[in-house]
PDB file of all heavy atoms in Angstrom:
ATOM      1  N   GLY A   1       0.786  -1.233  -0.003  1.00  0.00           N
ATOM      2  CA  GLY A   1      -0.003   0.002   0.003  1.00  0.00           C
ATOM      3  C   GLY A   1       0.828   1.270   0.009  1.00  0.00           C
ATOM      4  O   GLY A   1       0.311   2.315  -0.336  1.00  0.00           O
ATOM      5  N   HIS A   2       2.077   1.172   0.385  1.00  0.00           N
ATOM      6  CA  HIS A   2       2.943   2.372   0.405  1.00  0.00           C
ATOM      7  C   HIS A   2       4.331   2.090  -0.166  1.00  0.00           C
ATOM      8  O   HIS A   2       5.280   2.772   0.171  1.00  0.00           O
ATOM      9  CB  HIS A   2       3.048   2.898   1.854  1.00  0.00           C
ATOM     10  CG  HIS A   2       1.807   3.564   2.343  1.00  0.00           C
ATOM     11  ND1 HIS A   2       0.764   2.868   2.872  1.00  0.00           N
ATOM     12  CD2 HIS A   2       1.430   4.866   2.347  1.00  0.00           C
ATOM     13  CE1 HIS A   2      -0.212   3.703   3.197  1.00  0.00           C
ATOM     14  NE2 HIS A   2       0.173   4.937   2.883  1.00  0.00           N
ATOM     15  N   SER A   3       4.428   1.081  -1.003  1.00  0.00           N
ATOM     16  CA  SER A   3       5.748   0.705  -1.516  1.00  0.00           C
ATOM     17  C   SER A   3       6.343   1.784  -2.427  1.00  0.00           C
ATOM     18  O   SER A   3       7.549   1.992  -2.406  1.00  0.00           O
ATOM     19  CB  SER A   3       5.652  -0.631  -2.267  1.00  0.00           C
ATOM     20  OG  SER A   3       4.624  -0.597  -3.246  1.00  0.00           O
ATOM     21  N   GLY A   4       5.495   2.479  -3.184  1.00  0.00           N
ATOM     22  CA  GLY A   4       6.008   3.549  -4.015  1.00  0.00           C
ATOM     23  C   GLY A   4       6.597   4.670  -3.212  1.00  0.00           C
ATOM     24  O   GLY A   4       7.644   5.240  -3.575  1.00  0.00           O
ATOM     25  N   VAL A   5       5.945   5.009  -2.094  1.00  0.00           N
ATOM     26  CA  VAL A   5       6.455   6.038  -1.212  1.00  0.00           C
ATOM     27  C   VAL A   5       7.788   5.637  -0.595  1.00  0.00           C
ATOM     28  O   VAL A   5       8.741   6.431  -0.584  1.00  0.00           O
ATOM     29  CB  VAL A   5       5.429   6.328  -0.078  1.00  0.00           C
ATOM     30  CG1 VAL A   5       5.987   7.326   0.928  1.00  0.00           C
ATOM     31  CG2 VAL A   5       4.118   6.832  -0.657  1.00  0.00           C
ATOM     32  N   THR A   6       7.878   4.393  -0.185  1.00  0.00           N
ATOM     33  CA  THR A   6       9.128   3.901   0.439  1.00  0.00           C
ATOM     34  C   THR A   6      10.257   3.879  -0.594  1.00  0.00           C
ATOM     35  O   THR A   6      11.406   4.238  -0.267  1.00  0.00           O
ATOM     36  CB  THR A   6       8.921   2.482   1.007  1.00  0.00           C
ATOM     37  OG1 THR A   6       7.684   2.417   1.677  1.00  0.00           O
ATOM     38  CG2 THR A   6      10.055   2.121   1.961  1.00  0.00           C
ATOM     39  N   ALA A   7       9.960   3.492  -1.831  1.00  0.00           N
ATOM     40  CA  ALA A   7      10.979   3.455  -2.874  1.00  0.00           C
ATOM     41  C   ALA A   7      11.536   4.843  -3.157  1.00  0.00           C
ATOM     42  O   ALA A   7      12.728   5.042  -3.345  1.00  0.00           O
ATOM     43  CB  ALA A   7      10.415   2.830  -4.152  1.00  0.00           C
ATOM     44  N   GLU A   8      10.632   5.833  -3.189  1.00  0.00           N
ATOM     45  CA  GLU A   8      11.089   7.192  -3.450  1.00  0.00           C
ATOM     46  C   GLU A   8      12.000   7.701  -2.350  1.00  0.00           C
ATOM     47  O   GLU A   8      12.926   8.468  -2.598  1.00  0.00           O
ATOM     48  CB  GLU A   8       9.881   8.121  -3.603  1.00  0.00           C
ATOM     49  CG  GLU A   8       9.171   7.943  -4.935  1.00  0.00           C
ATOM     50  CD  GLU A   8       8.240   9.074  -5.273  1.00  0.00           C
ATOM     51  OE1 GLU A   8       8.192  10.064  -4.481  1.00  0.00           O
ATOM     52  OE2 GLU A   8       7.562   9.022  -6.308  1.00  0.00           O
ATOM     53  N   MET A   9      11.794   7.252  -1.087  1.00  0.00           N
ATOM     54  CA  MET A   9      12.705   7.598  -0.016  1.00  0.00           C
ATOM     55  C   MET A   9      14.101   7.085  -0.296  1.00  0.00           C
ATOM     56  O   MET A   9      15.103   7.695   0.109  1.00  0.00           O
ATOM     57  CB  MET A   9      12.215   6.993   1.323  1.00  0.00           C
ATOM     58  CG  MET A   9      10.950   7.576   1.899  1.00  0.00           C
ATOM     59  SD  MET A   9      10.568   6.733   3.431  1.00  0.00           S
ATOM     60  CE  MET A   9       8.914   7.379   3.749  1.00  0.00           C
ATOM     61  N   ALA A  10      14.188   5.923  -0.976  1.00  0.00           N
ATOM     62  CA  ALA A  10      15.464   5.310  -1.289  1.00  0.00           C
ATOM     63  C   ALA A  10      16.063   5.815  -2.600  1.00  0.00           C
ATOM     64  O   ALA A  10      17.154   5.392  -2.995  1.00  0.00           O
ATOM     65  CB  ALA A  10      15.313   3.792  -1.350  1.00  0.00           C
ATOM     66  N   GLY A  11      15.331   6.680  -3.303  1.00  0.00           N
ATOM     67  CA  GLY A  11      15.900   7.329  -4.486  1.00  0.00           C
ATOM     68  C   GLY A  11      15.571   6.664  -5.811  1.00  0.00           C
ATOM     69  O   GLY A  11      16.243   6.969  -6.811  1.00  0.00           O
ATOM     70  N   PHE A  12      14.592   5.800  -5.865  1.00  0.00           N
ATOM     71  CA  PHE A  12      14.195   5.223  -7.146  1.00  0.00           C
ATOM     72  C   PHE A  12      12.693   5.066  -7.176  1.00  0.00           C
ATOM     73  O   PHE A  12      12.000   5.277  -6.172  1.00  0.00           O
ATOM     74  CB  PHE A  12      14.897   3.868  -7.390  1.00  0.00           C
ATOM     75  CG  PHE A  12      14.566   2.807  -6.391  1.00  0.00           C
ATOM     76  CD1 PHE A  12      13.553   1.907  -6.597  1.00  0.00           C
ATOM     77  CD2 PHE A  12      15.320   2.690  -5.206  1.00  0.00           C
ATOM     78  CE1 PHE A  12      13.245   0.923  -5.679  1.00  0.00           C
ATOM     79  CE2 PHE A  12      15.026   1.702  -4.272  1.00  0.00           C
ATOM     80  CZ  PHE A  12      14.000   0.824  -4.502  1.00  0.00           C
ATOM     81  N   ARG A  13      12.145   4.714  -8.356  1.00  0.00           N
ATOM     82  CA  ARG A  13      10.702   4.576  -8.523  1.00  0.00           C
ATOM     83  C   ARG A  13      10.348   3.156  -8.896  1.00  0.00           C
ATOM     84  O   ARG A  13      11.133   2.443  -9.512  1.00  0.00           O
ATOM     85  CB  ARG A  13      10.185   5.528  -9.595  1.00  0.00           C
ATOM     86  CG  ARG A  13      10.432   7.011  -9.225  1.00  0.00           C
ATOM     87  CD  ARG A  13       9.710   7.917 -10.185  1.00  0.00           C
ATOM     88  NE  ARG A  13       8.260   7.796 -10.042  1.00  0.00           N
ATOM     89  CZ  ARG A  13       7.384   8.399 -10.826  1.00  0.00           C
ATOM     90  NH1 ARG A  13       7.796   9.133 -11.842  1.00  0.00           N
ATOM     91  NH2 ARG A  13       6.091   8.246 -10.633  1.00  0.00           N
ATOM     92  N   LEU A  14       9.144   2.770  -8.513  1.00  0.00           N
ATOM     93  CA  LEU A  14       8.626   1.439  -8.840  1.00  0.00           C
ATOM     94  C   LEU A  14       7.480   1.587  -9.867  1.00  0.00           C
ATOM     95  O   LEU A  14       6.733   2.557  -9.806  1.00  0.00           O
ATOM     96  CB  LEU A  14       8.092   0.745  -7.596  1.00  0.00           C
ATOM     97  CG  LEU A  14       9.099   0.296  -6.557  1.00  0.00           C
ATOM     98  CD1 LEU A  14       8.360  -0.150  -5.300  1.00  0.00           C
ATOM     99  CD2 LEU A  14       9.948  -0.854  -7.089  1.00  0.00           C
ATOM    100  N   PRO A  15       7.337   0.626 -10.780  1.00  0.00           N
ATOM    101  CA  PRO A  15       6.215   0.634 -11.732  1.00  0.00           C
ATOM    102  C   PRO A  15       4.935   0.162 -11.092  1.00  0.00           C
ATOM    103  O   PRO A  15       4.382  -0.882 -11.437  1.00  0.00           O
ATOM    104  CB  PRO A  15       6.707  -0.303 -12.829  1.00  0.00           C
ATOM    105  CG  PRO A  15       7.562  -1.284 -12.119  1.00  0.00           C
ATOM    106  CD  PRO A  15       8.217  -0.548 -10.974  1.00  0.00           C
ATOM    107  N   ILE A  16       4.452   0.958 -10.155  1.00  0.00           N
ATOM    108  CA  ILE A  16       3.291   0.524  -9.336  1.00  0.00           C
ATOM    109  C   ILE A  16       2.280   1.636  -9.216  1.00  0.00           C
ATOM    110  O   ILE A  16       2.626   2.814  -9.126  1.00  0.00           O
ATOM    111  CB  ILE A  16       3.798   0.103  -7.945  1.00  0.00           C
ATOM    112  CG1 ILE A  16       4.332  -1.347  -7.971  1.00  0.00           C
ATOM    113  CG2 ILE A  16       2.716   0.240  -6.870  1.00  0.00           C
ATOM    114  CD1 ILE A  16       4.895  -1.797  -6.660  1.00  0.00           C
ATOM    115  N   GLU A  17       0.997   1.266  -9.261  1.00  0.00           N
ATOM    116  CA  GLU A  17      -0.108   2.160  -8.950  1.00  0.00           C
ATOM    117  C   GLU A  17      -0.886   1.601  -7.774  1.00  0.00           C
ATOM    118  O   GLU A  17      -0.915   0.372  -7.585  1.00  0.00           O
ATOM    119  CB  GLU A  17      -1.047   2.324 -10.155  1.00  0.00           C
ATOM    120  CG  GLU A  17      -0.434   2.992 -11.353  1.00  0.00           C
ATOM    121  CD  GLU A  17      -1.417   3.049 -12.513  1.00  0.00           C
ATOM    122  OE1 GLU A  17      -2.010   2.022 -12.819  1.00  0.00           O
ATOM    123  OE2 GLU A  17      -1.559   4.137 -13.103  1.00  0.00           O
ATOM    124  N   SER A  18      -1.490   2.456  -6.993  1.00  0.00           N
ATOM    125  CA  SER A  18      -2.223   2.009  -5.793  1.00  0.00           C
ATOM    126  C   SER A  18      -3.698   2.314  -5.953  1.00  0.00           C
ATOM    127  O   SER A  18      -4.093   3.431  -6.238  1.00  0.00           O
ATOM    128  CB  SER A  18      -1.666   2.706  -4.542  1.00  0.00           C
ATOM    129  OG  SER A  18      -0.304   2.350  -4.337  1.00  0.00           O
ATOM    130  N   PHE A  19      -4.504   1.273  -5.748  1.00  0.00           N
ATOM    131  CA  PHE A  19      -5.969   1.387  -5.858  1.00  0.00           C
ATOM    132  C   PHE A  19      -6.621   0.833  -4.574  1.00  0.00           C
ATOM    133  O   PHE A  19      -6.136  -0.152  -4.029  1.00  0.00           O
ATOM    134  CB  PHE A  19      -6.501   0.563  -7.023  1.00  0.00           C
ATOM    135  CG  PHE A  19      -6.012   0.990  -8.370  1.00  0.00           C
ATOM    136  CD1 PHE A  19      -4.830   0.513  -8.892  1.00  0.00           C
ATOM    137  CD2 PHE A  19      -6.764   1.860  -9.152  1.00  0.00           C
ATOM    138  CE1 PHE A  19      -4.391   0.873 -10.138  1.00  0.00           C
ATOM    139  CE2 PHE A  19      -6.330   2.235 -10.411  1.00  0.00           C
ATOM    140  CZ  PHE A  19      -5.142   1.754 -10.899  1.00  0.00           C
ATOM    141  N   PRO A  20      -7.702   1.459  -4.122  1.00  0.00           N
ATOM    142  CA  PRO A  20      -8.472   0.814  -3.038  1.00  0.00           C
ATOM    143  C   PRO A  20      -9.210  -0.400  -3.605  1.00  0.00           C
ATOM    144  O   PRO A  20      -9.778  -0.327  -4.703  1.00  0.00           O
ATOM    145  CB  PRO A  20      -9.456   1.893  -2.598  1.00  0.00           C
ATOM    146  CG  PRO A  20      -8.998   3.157  -3.238  1.00  0.00           C
ATOM    147  CD  PRO A  20      -8.240   2.761  -4.477  1.00  0.00           C
ATOM    148  N   LEU A  21      -9.220  -1.484  -2.873  1.00  0.00           N
ATOM    149  CA  LEU A  21      -9.966  -2.684  -3.253  1.00  0.00           C
ATOM    150  C   LEU A  21     -11.129  -2.852  -2.314  1.00  0.00           C
ATOM    151  O   LEU A  21     -10.950  -2.903  -1.091  1.00  0.00           O
ATOM    152  CB  LEU A  21      -9.052  -3.914  -3.212  1.00  0.00           C
ATOM    153  CG  LEU A  21      -9.713  -5.234  -3.607  1.00  0.00           C
ATOM    154  CD1 LEU A  21     -10.056  -5.226  -5.108  1.00  0.00           C
ATOM    155  CD2 LEU A  21      -8.821  -6.418  -3.279  1.00  0.00           C
ATOM    156  N   GLN A  22     -12.335  -2.935  -2.871  1.00  0.00           N
ATOM    157  CA  GLN A  22     -13.566  -2.926  -2.064  1.00  0.00           C
ATOM    158  C   GLN A  22     -13.802  -4.261  -1.342  1.00  0.00           C
ATOM    159  O   GLN A  22     -13.599  -5.321  -1.914  1.00  0.00           O
ATOM    160  CB  GLN A  22     -14.755  -2.627  -2.945  1.00  0.00           C
ATOM    161  CG  GLN A  22     -16.049  -2.386  -2.207  1.00  0.00           C
ATOM    162  CD  GLN A  22     -15.958  -1.122  -1.382  1.00  0.00           C
ATOM    163  OE1 GLN A  22     -15.707  -0.042  -1.893  1.00  0.00           O
ATOM    164  NE2 GLN A  22     -16.104  -1.245  -0.082  1.00  0.00           N
ATOM    165  N   ALA A  23     -14.240  -4.177  -0.116  1.00  0.00           N
ATOM    166  CA  ALA A  23     -14.648  -5.386   0.645  1.00  0.00           C
ATOM    167  C   ALA A  23     -15.675  -4.956   1.677  1.00  0.00           C
ATOM    168  O   ALA A  23     -15.716  -3.812   2.090  1.00  0.00           O
ATOM    169  CB  ALA A  23     -13.467  -6.050   1.296  1.00  0.00           C
ATOM    170  N   PHE A  24     -16.515  -5.909   2.107  1.00  0.00           N
ATOM    171  CA  PHE A  24     -17.457  -5.651   3.186  1.00  0.00           C
ATOM    172  C   PHE A  24     -17.944  -6.964   3.782  1.00  0.00           C
ATOM    173  O   PHE A  24     -17.744  -8.041   3.186  1.00  0.00           O
ATOM    174  CB  PHE A  24     -18.631  -4.787   2.739  1.00  0.00           C
ATOM    175  CG  PHE A  24     -19.277  -5.194   1.452  1.00  0.00           C
ATOM    176  CD1 PHE A  24     -20.384  -6.034   1.456  1.00  0.00           C
ATOM    177  CD2 PHE A  24     -18.856  -4.697   0.254  1.00  0.00           C
ATOM    178  CE1 PHE A  24     -21.029  -6.403   0.292  1.00  0.00           C
ATOM    179  CE2 PHE A  24     -19.456  -5.058  -0.940  1.00  0.00           C
ATOM    180  CZ  PHE A  24     -20.553  -5.904  -0.921  1.00  0.00           C
ATOM    181  N   VAL A  25     -18.518  -6.873   4.959  1.00  0.00           N
ATOM    182  CA  VAL A  25     -19.057  -8.083   5.612  1.00  0.00           C
ATOM    183  C   VAL A  25     -20.488  -7.818   6.024  1.00  0.00           C
ATOM    184  O   VAL A  25     -20.906  -6.677   6.269  1.00  0.00           O
ATOM    185  CB  VAL A  25     -18.224  -8.490   6.867  1.00  0.00           C
ATOM    186  CG1 VAL A  25     -16.813  -8.868   6.500  1.00  0.00           C
ATOM    187  CG2 VAL A  25     -18.248  -7.394   7.921  1.00  0.00           C
ATOM    188  N   SER A  26     -21.252  -8.922   6.140  1.00  0.00           N
ATOM    189  CA  SER A  26     -22.634  -8.851   6.525  1.00  0.00           C
ATOM    190  C   SER A  26     -22.785  -9.078   8.021  1.00  0.00           C
ATOM    191  O   SER A  26     -21.817  -9.336   8.718  1.00  0.00           O
ATOM    192  CB  SER A  26     -23.457  -9.922   5.788  1.00  0.00           C
ATOM    193  OG  SER A  26     -23.171 -11.209   6.378  1.00  0.00           O
ATOM    194  N   GLU A  27     -24.013  -8.972   8.474  1.00  0.00           N
ATOM    195  CA  GLU A  27     -24.318  -9.394   9.836  1.00  0.00           C
ATOM    196  C   GLU A  27     -24.067 -10.894   9.966  1.00  0.00           C
ATOM    197  O   GLU A  27     -24.126 -11.646   8.968  1.00  0.00           O
ATOM    198  CB  GLU A  27     -25.801  -9.081  10.138  1.00  0.00           C
ATOM    199  CG  GLU A  27     -26.761  -9.817   9.205  1.00  0.00           C
ATOM    200  CD  GLU A  27     -28.183  -9.388   9.398  1.00  0.00           C
ATOM    201  OE1 GLU A  27     -28.517  -8.895  10.478  1.00  0.00           O
ATOM    202  OE2 GLU A  27     -28.988  -9.552   8.477  1.00  0.00           O
ATOM    203  N   PRO A  28     -23.801 -11.380  11.172  1.00  0.00           N
ATOM    204  CA  PRO A  28     -23.597 -12.837  11.352  1.00  0.00           C
ATOM    205  C   PRO A  28     -24.864 -13.616  11.094  1.00  0.00           C
ATOM    206  O   PRO A  28     -25.963 -13.131  11.341  1.00  0.00           O
ATOM    207  CB  PRO A  28     -23.132 -12.950  12.822  1.00  0.00           C
ATOM    208  CG  PRO A  28     -22.736 -11.567  13.215  1.00  0.00           C
ATOM    209  CD  PRO A  28     -23.574 -10.629  12.417  1.00  0.00           C
ATOM    210  N   MET A  29     -24.684 -14.828  10.615  1.00  0.00           N
ATOM    211  CA  MET A  29     -25.852 -15.716  10.412  1.00  0.00           C
ATOM    212  C   MET A  29     -25.375 -17.176  10.549  1.00  0.00           C
ATOM    213  O   MET A  29     -24.198 -17.439  10.695  1.00  0.00           O
ATOM    214  CB  MET A  29     -26.439 -15.491   9.013  1.00  0.00           C
ATOM    215  CG  MET A  29     -25.522 -15.815   7.860  1.00  0.00           C
ATOM    216  SD  MET A  29     -26.200 -15.390   6.276  1.00  0.00           S
ATOM    217  CE  MET A  29     -26.095 -13.603   6.360  1.00  0.00           C
ATOM    218  N   LYS A  30     -26.330 -18.085  10.540  1.00  0.00           N
ATOM    219  CA  LYS A  30     -26.001 -19.488  10.663  1.00  0.00           C
ATOM    220  C   LYS A  30     -25.230 -19.935   9.416  1.00  0.00           C
ATOM    221  O   LYS A  30     -25.318 -19.315   8.352  1.00  0.00           O
ATOM    222  CB  LYS A  30     -27.258 -20.321  10.832  1.00  0.00           C
ATOM    223  CG  LYS A  30     -27.947 -20.115  12.172  1.00  0.00           C
ATOM    224  CD  LYS A  30     -29.185 -20.970  12.321  1.00  0.00           C
ATOM    225  CE  LYS A  30     -29.845 -20.765  13.686  1.00  0.00           C
ATOM    226  NZ  LYS A  30     -31.047 -21.621  13.850  1.00  0.00           N
ATOM    227  N   PRO A  31     -24.444 -21.045   9.534  1.00  0.00           N
ATOM    228  CA  PRO A  31     -23.695 -21.523   8.356  1.00  0.00           C
ATOM    229  C   PRO A  31     -24.601 -21.762   7.149  1.00  0.00           C
ATOM    230  O   PRO A  31     -25.625 -22.418   7.243  1.00  0.00           O
ATOM    231  CB  PRO A  31     -23.101 -22.865   8.863  1.00  0.00           C
ATOM    232  CG  PRO A  31     -23.013 -22.698  10.346  1.00  0.00           C
ATOM    233  CD  PRO A  31     -24.208 -21.863  10.723  1.00  0.00           C
ATOM    234  N   VAL A  32     -24.204 -21.183   6.023  1.00  0.00           N
ATOM    235  CA  VAL A  32     -25.033 -21.264   4.822  1.00  0.00           C
ATOM    236  C   VAL A  32     -24.218 -21.584   3.585  1.00  0.00           C
ATOM    237  O   VAL A  32     -24.714 -22.209   2.661  1.00  0.00           O
ATOM    238  CB  VAL A  32     -25.845 -19.961   4.618  1.00  0.00           C
ATOM    239  CG1 VAL A  32     -24.914 -18.777   4.369  1.00  0.00           C
ATOM    240  CG2 VAL A  32     -26.853 -20.094   3.498  1.00  0.00           C
ATOM    241  N   ILE A  33     -22.939 -21.216   3.575  1.00  0.00           N
ATOM    242  CA  ILE A  33     -22.107 -21.460   2.413  1.00  0.00           C
ATOM    243  C   ILE A  33     -20.733 -21.974   2.900  1.00  0.00           C
ATOM    244  O   ILE A  33     -20.047 -21.298   3.672  1.00  0.00           O
ATOM    245  CB  ILE A  33     -21.954 -20.201   1.532  1.00  0.00           C
ATOM    246  CG1 ILE A  33     -21.149 -20.483   0.274  1.00  0.00           C
ATOM    247  CG2 ILE A  33     -21.426 -19.006   2.306  1.00  0.00           C
ATOM    248  CD1 ILE A  33     -21.245 -19.377  -0.775  1.00  0.00           C
ATOM    249  N   ASP A  34     -20.368 -23.177   2.495  1.00  0.00           N
ATOM    250  CA  ASP A  34     -19.174 -23.823   3.036  1.00  0.00           C
ATOM    251  C   ASP A  34     -18.074 -23.951   1.990  1.00  0.00           C
ATOM    252  O   ASP A  34     -17.214 -24.820   2.069  1.00  0.00           O
ATOM    253  CB  ASP A  34     -19.511 -25.197   3.600  1.00  0.00           C
ATOM    254  CG  ASP A  34     -20.107 -26.142   2.583  1.00  0.00           C
ATOM    255  OD1 ASP A  34     -20.275 -25.715   1.418  1.00  0.00           O
ATOM    256  OD2 ASP A  34     -20.388 -27.300   2.914  1.00  0.00           O
ATOM    257  N   VAL A  35     -18.107 -23.066   0.977  1.00  0.00           N
ATOM    258  CA  VAL A  35     -17.075 -23.019  -0.028  1.00  0.00           C
ATOM    259  C   VAL A  35     -16.834 -21.564  -0.417  1.00  0.00           C
ATOM    260  O   VAL A  35     -17.694 -20.710  -0.162  1.00  0.00           O
ATOM    261  CB  VAL A  35     -17.517 -23.852  -1.268  1.00  0.00           C
ATOM    262  CG1 VAL A  35     -18.719 -23.197  -1.940  1.00  0.00           C
ATOM    263  CG2 VAL A  35     -16.396 -24.058  -2.271  1.00  0.00           C
TER     264      VAL A  35
END
């Protein structure tokens, strides 16, 4: 998540872009999906 920033501290650049990746969770429920 911050590798580009760290590389710049060391004096070089990385071929990297940073994107947020979406995730979320539901309320708890009984076992319904086991895969």
